[in-house]
N, C-alpha and C. Protein backbone atom coordinates (compact mmCIF):
# COMPACT_ATOMS: atom_id res chain seq x y z
N UNK A 1 2.88 -13.55 -7.55
CA UNK A 1 3.97 -13.48 -6.60
C UNK A 1 5.15 -12.74 -7.22
N UNK A 2 5.77 -11.91 -6.46
CA UNK A 2 6.94 -11.18 -6.93
C UNK A 2 8.20 -11.99 -6.62
N UNK A 3 9.05 -12.21 -7.61
CA UNK A 3 10.31 -12.89 -7.32
C UNK A 3 11.20 -12.00 -6.45
N UNK A 4 12.13 -12.60 -5.74
CA UNK A 4 12.98 -11.87 -4.79
C UNK A 4 13.69 -10.66 -5.42
N UNK A 5 14.24 -10.75 -6.63
CA UNK A 5 14.91 -9.57 -7.20
C UNK A 5 13.98 -8.40 -7.50
N UNK A 6 12.67 -8.64 -7.51
CA UNK A 6 11.70 -7.58 -7.81
C UNK A 6 11.06 -6.99 -6.56
N UNK A 7 11.55 -7.41 -5.36
CA UNK A 7 11.00 -6.93 -4.10
C UNK A 7 11.99 -6.04 -3.37
N UNK A 8 11.49 -4.99 -2.76
CA UNK A 8 12.29 -4.20 -1.82
C UNK A 8 12.27 -5.00 -0.53
N UNK A 9 13.46 -5.40 -0.05
CA UNK A 9 13.50 -6.33 1.08
C UNK A 9 14.24 -5.79 2.30
N UNK A 10 15.17 -4.89 2.11
CA UNK A 10 16.01 -4.42 3.21
C UNK A 10 15.40 -3.18 3.86
N UNK A 11 15.42 -3.12 5.18
CA UNK A 11 14.85 -1.95 5.89
C UNK A 11 15.45 -0.63 5.44
N UNK A 12 16.73 -0.61 5.10
CA UNK A 12 17.36 0.63 4.65
C UNK A 12 16.76 1.09 3.32
N UNK A 13 16.44 0.15 2.43
CA UNK A 13 15.83 0.51 1.15
C UNK A 13 14.42 1.06 1.35
N UNK A 14 13.67 0.46 2.28
CA UNK A 14 12.34 0.98 2.60
C UNK A 14 12.46 2.41 3.13
N UNK A 15 13.35 2.60 4.09
CA UNK A 15 13.50 3.91 4.73
C UNK A 15 13.92 4.98 3.72
N UNK A 16 14.87 4.66 2.87
CA UNK A 16 15.35 5.62 1.87
C UNK A 16 14.26 5.97 0.88
N UNK A 17 13.51 4.98 0.44
CA UNK A 17 12.44 5.23 -0.53
C UNK A 17 11.34 6.09 0.08
N UNK A 18 10.97 5.81 1.32
CA UNK A 18 9.93 6.60 1.97
C UNK A 18 10.42 8.02 2.25
N UNK A 19 11.66 8.15 2.68
CA UNK A 19 12.20 9.46 3.05
C UNK A 19 12.49 10.33 1.83
N UNK A 20 13.12 9.76 0.79
CA UNK A 20 13.60 10.56 -0.33
C UNK A 20 12.72 10.51 -1.58
N UNK A 21 11.81 9.56 -1.64
CA UNK A 21 11.01 9.39 -2.85
C UNK A 21 9.84 10.34 -2.92
N UNK A 22 9.23 10.37 -4.09
CA UNK A 22 8.01 11.16 -4.29
C UNK A 22 6.83 10.34 -3.80
N UNK A 23 5.83 11.02 -3.27
CA UNK A 23 4.70 10.35 -2.65
C UNK A 23 3.41 10.74 -3.35
N UNK A 24 2.54 9.74 -3.50
CA UNK A 24 1.19 9.97 -4.02
C UNK A 24 0.22 9.22 -3.12
N UNK A 25 -0.83 9.89 -2.72
CA UNK A 25 -1.77 9.29 -1.77
C UNK A 25 -3.15 9.18 -2.40
N UNK A 26 -3.80 8.09 -2.09
CA UNK A 26 -5.22 7.94 -2.38
C UNK A 26 -5.89 7.69 -1.03
N UNK A 27 -7.16 7.43 -1.01
CA UNK A 27 -7.83 7.29 0.28
C UNK A 27 -7.43 6.03 1.03
N UNK A 28 -6.91 5.02 0.35
CA UNK A 28 -6.53 3.78 1.02
C UNK A 28 -5.08 3.40 0.93
N UNK A 29 -4.31 4.10 0.08
CA UNK A 29 -2.91 3.74 -0.15
C UNK A 29 -2.03 4.98 -0.25
N UNK A 30 -0.77 4.80 0.10
CA UNK A 30 0.24 5.81 -0.17
C UNK A 30 1.36 5.10 -0.93
N UNK A 31 1.73 5.63 -2.10
CA UNK A 31 2.79 5.03 -2.91
C UNK A 31 3.98 5.98 -2.89
N UNK A 32 5.14 5.46 -2.50
CA UNK A 32 6.39 6.21 -2.52
C UNK A 32 7.22 5.65 -3.67
N UNK A 33 7.78 6.53 -4.51
CA UNK A 33 8.59 6.12 -5.65
C UNK A 33 9.92 6.84 -5.60
N UNK A 34 11.00 6.08 -5.80
CA UNK A 34 12.34 6.67 -5.80
C UNK A 34 13.17 6.02 -6.89
N UNK A 35 13.78 6.86 -7.71
CA UNK A 35 14.66 6.37 -8.78
C UNK A 35 16.04 6.12 -8.19
N UNK A 36 16.57 4.93 -8.40
CA UNK A 36 17.91 4.60 -7.92
C UNK A 36 18.88 4.69 -9.07
N UNK A 37 20.15 4.68 -8.76
CA UNK A 37 21.18 4.75 -9.80
C UNK A 37 21.37 3.40 -10.48
N UNK A 38 20.95 2.34 -9.86
CA UNK A 38 21.14 1.00 -10.40
C UNK A 38 20.29 0.79 -11.64
N UNK A 39 20.85 0.05 -12.58
CA UNK A 39 20.12 -0.29 -13.80
C UNK A 39 19.50 -1.68 -13.62
N UNK A 40 18.70 -1.79 -12.58
CA UNK A 40 18.03 -3.04 -12.25
C UNK A 40 16.55 -2.90 -12.56
N UNK A 41 15.82 -4.00 -12.65
CA UNK A 41 14.37 -3.88 -12.85
C UNK A 41 13.70 -3.17 -11.68
N UNK A 42 12.54 -2.62 -11.93
CA UNK A 42 11.77 -1.95 -10.88
C UNK A 42 11.45 -2.94 -9.77
N UNK A 43 11.44 -2.43 -8.52
CA UNK A 43 11.15 -3.28 -7.35
C UNK A 43 10.02 -2.65 -6.55
N UNK A 44 9.31 -3.49 -5.80
CA UNK A 44 8.21 -3.01 -4.97
C UNK A 44 8.26 -3.66 -3.60
N UNK A 45 7.84 -2.89 -2.59
CA UNK A 45 7.73 -3.39 -1.23
C UNK A 45 6.41 -2.88 -0.65
N UNK A 46 5.93 -3.56 0.39
CA UNK A 46 4.63 -3.24 0.95
C UNK A 46 4.72 -3.10 2.45
N UNK A 47 3.99 -2.11 2.98
CA UNK A 47 3.92 -1.88 4.42
C UNK A 47 2.44 -1.90 4.79
N UNK A 48 2.08 -2.88 5.62
CA UNK A 48 0.69 -3.02 6.06
C UNK A 48 0.73 -3.10 7.58
N UNK A 49 0.39 -1.99 8.24
CA UNK A 49 0.47 -1.91 9.69
C UNK A 49 -0.69 -2.58 10.40
N UNK A 50 -0.56 -2.72 11.69
CA UNK A 50 -1.58 -3.38 12.51
C UNK A 50 -2.90 -2.63 12.54
N UNK A 51 -2.86 -1.34 12.28
CA UNK A 51 -4.10 -0.56 12.29
C UNK A 51 -5.05 -0.98 11.18
N UNK A 52 -4.53 -1.67 10.17
CA UNK A 52 -5.37 -2.12 9.05
C UNK A 52 -6.33 -3.21 9.50
N UNK A 53 -5.92 -4.02 10.46
CA UNK A 53 -6.80 -5.07 10.95
C UNK A 53 -6.01 -6.27 11.42
N UNK A 54 -6.71 -7.38 11.66
CA UNK A 54 -6.02 -8.58 12.11
C UNK A 54 -5.09 -9.15 11.03
N UNK A 55 -4.24 -10.07 11.43
CA UNK A 55 -3.21 -10.60 10.53
C UNK A 55 -3.79 -11.19 9.25
N UNK A 56 -4.92 -11.84 9.35
CA UNK A 56 -5.53 -12.45 8.16
C UNK A 56 -5.87 -11.38 7.13
N UNK A 57 -6.45 -10.28 7.57
CA UNK A 57 -6.81 -9.19 6.66
C UNK A 57 -5.55 -8.52 6.09
N UNK A 58 -4.57 -8.27 6.94
CA UNK A 58 -3.33 -7.63 6.47
C UNK A 58 -2.63 -8.49 5.42
N UNK A 59 -2.53 -9.78 5.68
CA UNK A 59 -1.85 -10.67 4.74
C UNK A 59 -2.62 -10.81 3.44
N UNK A 60 -3.95 -10.82 3.52
CA UNK A 60 -4.76 -10.90 2.30
C UNK A 60 -4.54 -9.65 1.44
N UNK A 61 -4.54 -8.49 2.06
CA UNK A 61 -4.30 -7.25 1.32
C UNK A 61 -2.91 -7.24 0.69
N UNK A 62 -1.91 -7.69 1.44
CA UNK A 62 -0.54 -7.74 0.93
C UNK A 62 -0.45 -8.68 -0.27
N UNK A 63 -1.08 -9.84 -0.19
CA UNK A 63 -1.06 -10.79 -1.31
C UNK A 63 -1.75 -10.20 -2.54
N UNK A 64 -2.90 -9.56 -2.33
CA UNK A 64 -3.61 -8.94 -3.45
C UNK A 64 -2.75 -7.86 -4.12
N UNK A 65 -2.13 -7.03 -3.31
CA UNK A 65 -1.30 -5.95 -3.86
C UNK A 65 -0.07 -6.50 -4.58
N UNK A 66 0.55 -7.53 -4.03
CA UNK A 66 1.70 -8.15 -4.71
C UNK A 66 1.29 -8.67 -6.08
N UNK A 67 0.15 -9.32 -6.15
CA UNK A 67 -0.34 -9.85 -7.41
C UNK A 67 -0.61 -8.72 -8.41
N UNK A 68 -1.25 -7.65 -7.95
CA UNK A 68 -1.54 -6.51 -8.82
C UNK A 68 -0.25 -5.86 -9.30
N UNK A 69 0.72 -5.71 -8.40
CA UNK A 69 1.96 -5.04 -8.74
C UNK A 69 2.81 -5.87 -9.70
N UNK A 70 2.76 -7.19 -9.59
CA UNK A 70 3.55 -8.06 -10.47
C UNK A 70 3.20 -7.81 -11.93
N UNK A 71 1.96 -7.53 -12.21
CA UNK A 71 1.53 -7.27 -13.58
C UNK A 71 1.97 -5.89 -14.08
N UNK A 72 2.34 -5.00 -13.18
CA UNK A 72 2.66 -3.62 -13.56
C UNK A 72 4.16 -3.31 -13.55
N UNK A 73 4.96 -4.11 -12.89
CA UNK A 73 6.38 -3.77 -12.71
C UNK A 73 7.16 -3.72 -14.02
N UNK A 74 6.83 -4.55 -14.99
CA UNK A 74 7.58 -4.55 -16.24
C UNK A 74 7.39 -3.26 -17.03
N UNK A 75 6.28 -2.59 -16.82
CA UNK A 75 6.00 -1.34 -17.54
C UNK A 75 6.65 -0.12 -16.89
N UNK A 76 7.22 -0.30 -15.70
CA UNK A 76 7.81 0.83 -14.97
C UNK A 76 9.27 1.03 -15.37
N UNK A 77 9.80 2.24 -15.18
CA UNK A 77 11.19 2.52 -15.52
C UNK A 77 12.16 1.65 -14.71
N UNK A 78 13.27 1.28 -15.31
CA UNK A 78 14.29 0.50 -14.62
C UNK A 78 14.90 1.34 -13.50
N UNK A 79 15.26 0.66 -12.42
CA UNK A 79 15.88 1.33 -11.28
C UNK A 79 14.91 2.02 -10.35
N UNK A 80 13.63 1.82 -10.53
CA UNK A 80 12.62 2.47 -9.70
C UNK A 80 12.29 1.57 -8.51
N UNK A 81 12.35 2.14 -7.31
CA UNK A 81 11.92 1.44 -6.10
C UNK A 81 10.59 2.03 -5.66
N UNK A 82 9.65 1.15 -5.32
CA UNK A 82 8.32 1.56 -4.87
C UNK A 82 8.04 0.98 -3.50
N UNK A 83 7.43 1.77 -2.63
CA UNK A 83 6.92 1.28 -1.36
C UNK A 83 5.45 1.67 -1.31
N UNK A 84 4.60 0.67 -1.14
CA UNK A 84 3.16 0.88 -1.06
C UNK A 84 2.77 0.70 0.39
N UNK A 85 2.26 1.77 1.00
CA UNK A 85 1.80 1.72 2.39
C UNK A 85 0.28 1.67 2.38
N UNK A 86 -0.26 0.67 3.06
CA UNK A 86 -1.71 0.46 3.10
C UNK A 86 -2.27 1.18 4.32
N UNK A 87 -3.30 1.98 4.10
CA UNK A 87 -3.97 2.71 5.17
C UNK A 87 -5.18 1.90 5.67
N UNK A 88 -5.64 2.14 6.89
CA UNK A 88 -6.74 1.36 7.44
C UNK A 88 -8.02 1.36 6.60
N UNK A 89 -8.27 2.42 5.86
CA UNK A 89 -9.50 2.46 5.05
C UNK A 89 -9.48 1.44 3.91
N UNK A 90 -8.32 0.94 3.54
CA UNK A 90 -8.22 -0.04 2.46
C UNK A 90 -8.82 -1.39 2.85
N UNK A 91 -8.95 -1.64 4.14
CA UNK A 91 -9.47 -2.93 4.60
C UNK A 91 -10.93 -3.14 4.19
N UNK A 92 -11.65 -2.07 3.91
CA UNK A 92 -13.07 -2.18 3.56
C UNK A 92 -13.30 -2.19 2.06
N UNK A 93 -12.26 -2.07 1.27
CA UNK A 93 -12.40 -1.97 -0.19
C UNK A 93 -12.46 -3.35 -0.83
N UNK A 94 -13.18 -3.43 -1.94
CA UNK A 94 -13.12 -4.68 -2.69
C UNK A 94 -11.93 -4.62 -3.65
N UNK A 95 -11.69 -5.71 -4.34
CA UNK A 95 -10.50 -5.84 -5.18
C UNK A 95 -10.45 -4.79 -6.30
N UNK A 96 -11.58 -4.53 -6.94
CA UNK A 96 -11.59 -3.56 -8.03
C UNK A 96 -11.28 -2.14 -7.54
N UNK A 97 -11.83 -1.77 -6.39
CA UNK A 97 -11.55 -0.45 -5.83
C UNK A 97 -10.08 -0.33 -5.43
N UNK A 98 -9.54 -1.39 -4.85
CA UNK A 98 -8.13 -1.40 -4.46
C UNK A 98 -7.23 -1.27 -5.69
N UNK A 99 -7.59 -1.97 -6.75
CA UNK A 99 -6.80 -1.92 -7.98
C UNK A 99 -6.86 -0.52 -8.60
N UNK A 100 -8.02 0.11 -8.60
CA UNK A 100 -8.15 1.46 -9.15
C UNK A 100 -7.33 2.45 -8.32
N UNK A 101 -7.34 2.31 -7.00
CA UNK A 101 -6.54 3.18 -6.14
C UNK A 101 -5.06 3.00 -6.38
N UNK A 102 -4.63 1.74 -6.51
CA UNK A 102 -3.22 1.46 -6.77
C UNK A 102 -2.78 2.07 -8.09
N UNK A 103 -3.58 1.89 -9.14
CA UNK A 103 -3.23 2.44 -10.45
C UNK A 103 -3.10 3.96 -10.42
N UNK A 104 -4.05 4.62 -9.77
CA UNK A 104 -4.04 6.08 -9.72
C UNK A 104 -2.84 6.60 -8.92
N UNK A 105 -2.62 6.04 -7.74
CA UNK A 105 -1.51 6.51 -6.91
C UNK A 105 -0.16 6.15 -7.54
N UNK A 106 -0.06 4.98 -8.14
CA UNK A 106 1.17 4.56 -8.79
C UNK A 106 1.51 5.49 -9.95
N UNK A 107 0.52 5.81 -10.75
CA UNK A 107 0.74 6.69 -11.90
C UNK A 107 1.23 8.07 -11.44
N UNK A 108 0.60 8.63 -10.41
CA UNK A 108 1.01 9.96 -9.94
C UNK A 108 2.42 9.94 -9.34
N UNK A 109 2.73 8.92 -8.55
CA UNK A 109 4.05 8.86 -7.90
C UNK A 109 5.16 8.65 -8.93
N UNK A 110 4.93 7.79 -9.91
CA UNK A 110 5.97 7.52 -10.92
C UNK A 110 6.17 8.75 -11.79
N UNK A 111 5.08 9.42 -12.18
CA UNK A 111 5.23 10.65 -12.97
C UNK A 111 6.00 11.71 -12.22
N UNK A 112 5.71 11.88 -10.93
CA UNK A 112 6.39 12.90 -10.14
C UNK A 112 7.88 12.57 -9.98
N UNK A 113 8.20 11.30 -9.80
CA UNK A 113 9.60 10.91 -9.61
C UNK A 113 10.40 10.98 -10.91
N UNK A 114 9.82 10.58 -12.01
CA UNK A 114 10.57 10.60 -13.28
C UNK A 114 10.67 12.02 -13.83
N UNK A 115 9.82 12.93 -13.39
CA UNK A 115 9.90 14.33 -13.84
C UNK A 115 10.98 15.10 -13.08
N UNK A 116 11.48 14.52 -12.01
CA UNK A 116 12.47 15.15 -11.17
C UNK A 116 13.73 15.48 -11.90
């Protein structure tokens, strides 16, 4: 579980990160990364739309991703905001495939944003 200070929670923060951040896509996920001016720990937010499936499936995917991201946030640069958008194809993936996709997309998005 991600504690409240480590989550992107406000709609304006989601919108800014998606609009201005660097994006990396895999077949089941899109990761948006944006460096903020704040010297705060890295934060993450998740967007899982209805196209992914029924509420049970969406919530399960969100919980899995939160758990995966909690282990990775400490290694990310301070002040980084991340938004992970789940695509409908992710609903058919098992946990290991989802984790591999998250790692690959996260690495590409963070590298692109920090190289800016």
